[in-house]
Amino acid sequence: MQIRYSEKAVKQLKKINRSDKNSAKLIIGKIEDYANNPSGNFDVKVLKGRLADFKRLRIGNYRVIFDEQFNILNIYEVKHRKEAYK
């Protein structure tokens, strides 16, 4: 599966990388693992409410908001769990 990052997600990952390089590496690694094997053992949930078209991938204290379309994984946001759903 191909991975596409939005500009917002790239900025958020860069910000995380500046403060916590290990978390940034872990996030990118888990996203790549999910793209290679979406049926694996991942903490993924379909969101509800205004975000009902998206899914979230939980990686430690961070949440990745994404959707899947035609074998493409679109990453929209990567945020700390306290800020992820605002």
N, C-alpha and C. Protein backbone atom coordinates (compact mmCIF):
# COMPACT_ATOMS: atom_id res chain seq x y z
N MET A 1 0.84 -1.17 0.00
CA MET A 1 0.00 0.00 0.00
C MET A 1 0.89 1.24 0.00
N GLN A 2 0.54 2.21 -0.81
CA GLN A 2 1.29 3.46 -0.91
C GLN A 2 0.87 4.40 0.22
N ILE A 3 1.81 5.17 0.76
CA ILE A 3 1.53 6.10 1.85
C ILE A 3 1.66 7.53 1.34
N ARG A 4 0.62 8.34 1.61
CA ARG A 4 0.66 9.77 1.27
C ARG A 4 0.45 10.57 2.54
N TYR A 5 1.35 11.50 2.81
CA TYR A 5 1.26 12.37 3.97
C TYR A 5 0.75 13.74 3.53
N SER A 6 -0.21 14.30 4.27
CA SER A 6 -0.64 15.67 4.00
C SER A 6 0.46 16.62 4.47
N GLU A 7 0.41 17.87 4.01
CA GLU A 7 1.39 18.86 4.45
C GLU A 7 1.31 19.04 5.97
N LYS A 8 0.10 19.02 6.49
CA LYS A 8 -0.11 19.18 7.93
C LYS A 8 0.55 18.04 8.71
N ALA A 9 0.39 16.81 8.23
CA ALA A 9 0.98 15.66 8.90
C ALA A 9 2.51 15.73 8.87
N VAL A 10 3.07 16.18 7.76
CA VAL A 10 4.53 16.31 7.65
C VAL A 10 5.04 17.33 8.67
N LYS A 11 4.35 18.48 8.79
CA LYS A 11 4.74 19.50 9.77
C LYS A 11 4.65 18.95 11.18
N GLN A 12 3.58 18.20 11.47
CA GLN A 12 3.40 17.65 12.80
C GLN A 12 4.49 16.63 13.13
N LEU A 13 4.84 15.80 12.15
CA LEU A 13 5.92 14.82 12.37
C LEU A 13 7.25 15.51 12.60
N LYS A 14 7.52 16.58 11.86
CA LYS A 14 8.77 17.32 12.06
C LYS A 14 8.82 17.93 13.46
N LYS A 15 7.68 18.44 13.92
CA LYS A 15 7.62 19.02 15.26
C LYS A 15 7.86 17.95 16.33
N ILE A 16 7.26 16.78 16.15
CA ILE A 16 7.47 15.67 17.08
C ILE A 16 8.93 15.25 17.05
N ASN A 17 9.53 15.21 15.86
CA ASN A 17 10.92 14.79 15.70
C ASN A 17 11.88 15.73 16.44
N ARG A 18 11.56 17.04 16.44
CA ARG A 18 12.42 18.00 17.14
C ARG A 18 12.44 17.76 18.65
N SER A 19 11.28 17.37 19.19
CA SER A 19 11.21 17.22 20.64
C SER A 19 11.44 15.78 21.11
N ASP A 20 11.10 14.80 20.27
CA ASP A 20 11.18 13.40 20.70
C ASP A 20 11.46 12.50 19.49
N LYS A 21 12.73 12.36 19.16
CA LYS A 21 13.13 11.60 17.96
C LYS A 21 12.67 10.14 18.00
N ASN A 22 12.71 9.52 19.17
CA ASN A 22 12.30 8.11 19.27
C ASN A 22 10.84 7.93 18.93
N SER A 23 9.98 8.82 19.42
CA SER A 23 8.56 8.73 19.10
C SER A 23 8.32 8.93 17.61
N ALA A 24 9.03 9.86 17.00
CA ALA A 24 8.86 10.11 15.57
C ALA A 24 9.25 8.87 14.76
N LYS A 25 10.34 8.23 15.12
CA LYS A 25 10.76 7.01 14.42
C LYS A 25 9.74 5.89 14.62
N LEU A 26 9.21 5.77 15.83
CA LEU A 26 8.21 4.76 16.14
C LEU A 26 6.94 4.99 15.32
N ILE A 27 6.50 6.24 15.24
CA ILE A 27 5.28 6.57 14.48
C ILE A 27 5.45 6.21 13.02
N ILE A 28 6.54 6.63 12.42
CA ILE A 28 6.79 6.35 11.00
C ILE A 28 6.89 4.84 10.77
N GLY A 29 7.58 4.15 11.66
CA GLY A 29 7.70 2.69 11.53
C GLY A 29 6.35 1.99 11.60
N LYS A 30 5.50 2.39 12.54
CA LYS A 30 4.18 1.76 12.69
C LYS A 30 3.29 2.06 11.49
N ILE A 31 3.37 3.27 10.95
CA ILE A 31 2.60 3.61 9.75
C ILE A 31 3.02 2.72 8.59
N GLU A 32 4.34 2.53 8.42
CA GLU A 32 4.84 1.67 7.35
C GLU A 32 4.43 0.22 7.57
N ASP A 33 4.49 -0.24 8.82
CA ASP A 33 4.05 -1.61 9.13
C ASP A 33 2.58 -1.80 8.80
N TYR A 34 1.76 -0.83 9.15
CA TYR A 34 0.32 -0.91 8.85
C TYR A 34 0.07 -0.92 7.35
N ALA A 35 0.82 -0.11 6.61
CA ALA A 35 0.66 -0.05 5.16
C ALA A 35 1.03 -1.39 4.52
N ASN A 36 2.02 -2.07 5.07
CA ASN A 36 2.46 -3.35 4.52
C ASN A 36 1.54 -4.50 4.91
N ASN A 37 0.87 -4.40 6.07
CA ASN A 37 0.01 -5.48 6.54
C ASN A 37 -1.16 -4.90 7.35
N PRO A 38 -2.20 -4.34 6.68
CA PRO A 38 -3.31 -3.72 7.40
C PRO A 38 -4.12 -4.69 8.26
N SER A 39 -4.02 -5.97 8.00
CA SER A 39 -4.78 -6.94 8.78
C SER A 39 -4.00 -7.41 10.01
N GLY A 40 -2.85 -6.81 10.26
CA GLY A 40 -2.02 -7.20 11.41
C GLY A 40 -2.61 -6.75 12.73
N ASN A 41 -1.84 -6.88 13.79
CA ASN A 41 -2.29 -6.56 15.13
C ASN A 41 -2.00 -5.09 15.44
N PHE A 42 -2.92 -4.20 15.03
CA PHE A 42 -2.77 -2.76 15.25
C PHE A 42 -3.99 -2.24 15.98
N ASP A 43 -3.81 -1.18 16.74
CA ASP A 43 -4.93 -0.56 17.45
C ASP A 43 -5.54 0.50 16.53
N VAL A 44 -6.45 0.05 15.66
CA VAL A 44 -7.10 0.93 14.70
C VAL A 44 -8.59 0.93 14.98
N LYS A 45 -9.19 2.11 14.98
CA LYS A 45 -10.63 2.24 15.17
C LYS A 45 -11.20 3.19 14.13
N VAL A 46 -12.44 2.93 13.74
CA VAL A 46 -13.17 3.86 12.88
C VAL A 46 -13.73 4.94 13.78
N LEU A 47 -13.54 6.20 13.40
CA LEU A 47 -13.99 7.30 14.23
C LEU A 47 -15.47 7.57 14.03
N LYS A 48 -16.05 8.30 14.96
CA LYS A 48 -17.48 8.63 14.92
C LYS A 48 -17.66 10.14 14.87
N GLY A 49 -18.89 10.58 14.66
CA GLY A 49 -19.19 12.00 14.67
C GLY A 49 -18.70 12.68 13.41
N ARG A 50 -18.15 13.88 13.58
CA ARG A 50 -17.70 14.65 12.41
C ARG A 50 -16.49 14.04 11.72
N LEU A 51 -15.81 13.13 12.38
CA LEU A 51 -14.64 12.46 11.80
C LEU A 51 -14.98 11.04 11.33
N ALA A 52 -16.26 10.78 11.06
CA ALA A 52 -16.73 9.42 10.77
C ALA A 52 -16.11 8.80 9.52
N ASP A 53 -15.58 9.60 8.63
CA ASP A 53 -14.98 9.08 7.40
C ASP A 53 -13.54 8.60 7.60
N PHE A 54 -13.00 8.79 8.80
CA PHE A 54 -11.60 8.51 9.06
C PHE A 54 -11.42 7.39 10.06
N LYS A 55 -10.17 6.90 10.12
CA LYS A 55 -9.77 5.92 11.11
C LYS A 55 -8.63 6.54 11.91
N ARG A 56 -8.36 5.94 13.09
CA ARG A 56 -7.20 6.40 13.85
C ARG A 56 -6.35 5.20 14.22
N LEU A 57 -5.06 5.42 14.16
CA LEU A 57 -4.08 4.43 14.56
C LEU A 57 -3.42 4.94 15.84
N ARG A 58 -3.50 4.15 16.89
CA ARG A 58 -2.92 4.55 18.18
C ARG A 58 -1.49 4.05 18.26
N ILE A 59 -0.58 4.99 18.52
CA ILE A 59 0.84 4.66 18.66
C ILE A 59 1.34 5.36 19.92
N GLY A 60 1.34 4.65 21.03
CA GLY A 60 1.75 5.24 22.30
C GLY A 60 0.83 6.39 22.66
N ASN A 61 1.40 7.56 22.90
CA ASN A 61 0.61 8.74 23.24
C ASN A 61 0.19 9.54 22.01
N TYR A 62 0.43 9.02 20.83
CA TYR A 62 0.12 9.74 19.60
C TYR A 62 -0.99 9.03 18.83
N ARG A 63 -1.74 9.82 18.05
CA ARG A 63 -2.81 9.29 17.23
C ARG A 63 -2.57 9.75 15.79
N VAL A 64 -2.74 8.81 14.87
CA VAL A 64 -2.60 9.10 13.44
C VAL A 64 -3.99 9.01 12.84
N ILE A 65 -4.46 10.12 12.27
CA ILE A 65 -5.77 10.17 11.64
C ILE A 65 -5.55 9.93 10.15
N PHE A 66 -6.25 8.92 9.60
CA PHE A 66 -6.00 8.54 8.21
C PHE A 66 -7.26 7.93 7.59
N ASP A 67 -7.19 7.70 6.28
CA ASP A 67 -8.18 6.89 5.60
C ASP A 67 -7.47 6.08 4.52
N GLU A 68 -8.18 5.09 4.00
CA GLU A 68 -7.62 4.22 2.97
C GLU A 68 -8.51 4.31 1.73
N GLN A 69 -7.90 4.56 0.58
CA GLN A 69 -8.64 4.63 -0.67
C GLN A 69 -7.80 4.00 -1.77
N PHE A 70 -8.36 3.00 -2.42
CA PHE A 70 -7.73 2.40 -3.60
C PHE A 70 -6.26 2.08 -3.38
N ASN A 71 -5.97 1.35 -2.32
CA ASN A 71 -4.61 0.92 -2.02
C ASN A 71 -3.66 2.08 -1.71
N ILE A 72 -4.22 3.21 -1.24
CA ILE A 72 -3.42 4.36 -0.83
C ILE A 72 -3.80 4.70 0.60
N LEU A 73 -2.81 4.84 1.46
CA LEU A 73 -3.02 5.22 2.85
C LEU A 73 -2.76 6.72 2.95
N ASN A 74 -3.83 7.49 3.18
CA ASN A 74 -3.72 8.95 3.29
C ASN A 74 -3.61 9.34 4.75
N ILE A 75 -2.47 9.91 5.14
CA ILE A 75 -2.24 10.34 6.51
C ILE A 75 -2.57 11.83 6.58
N TYR A 76 -3.54 12.19 7.43
CA TYR A 76 -3.97 13.59 7.53
C TYR A 76 -3.38 14.31 8.73
N GLU A 77 -3.34 13.65 9.88
CA GLU A 77 -2.82 14.31 11.07
C GLU A 77 -2.09 13.31 11.96
N VAL A 78 -1.08 13.81 12.66
CA VAL A 78 -0.34 13.04 13.67
C VAL A 78 -0.26 13.95 14.88
N LYS A 79 -1.03 13.62 15.94
CA LYS A 79 -1.09 14.50 17.10
C LYS A 79 -0.99 13.71 18.40
N HIS A 80 -0.63 14.43 19.44
CA HIS A 80 -0.66 13.85 20.78
C HIS A 80 -2.09 13.53 21.13
N ARG A 81 -2.30 12.53 21.94
CA ARG A 81 -3.65 12.06 22.24
C ARG A 81 -4.54 13.12 22.86
N LYS A 82 -3.97 14.08 23.58
CA LYS A 82 -4.77 15.14 24.19
C LYS A 82 -5.36 16.10 23.17
N GLU A 83 -4.71 16.22 22.01
CA GLU A 83 -5.12 17.20 21.00
C GLU A 83 -5.74 16.56 19.76
N ALA A 84 -5.74 15.26 19.67
CA ALA A 84 -6.04 14.58 18.41
C ALA A 84 -7.45 14.78 17.89
N TYR A 85 -8.44 14.93 18.74
CA TYR A 85 -9.81 14.94 18.27
C TYR A 85 -10.46 16.31 18.32
N LYS A 86 -9.69 17.35 18.52
CA LYS A 86 -10.23 18.72 18.60
C LYS A 86 -10.39 19.31 17.22
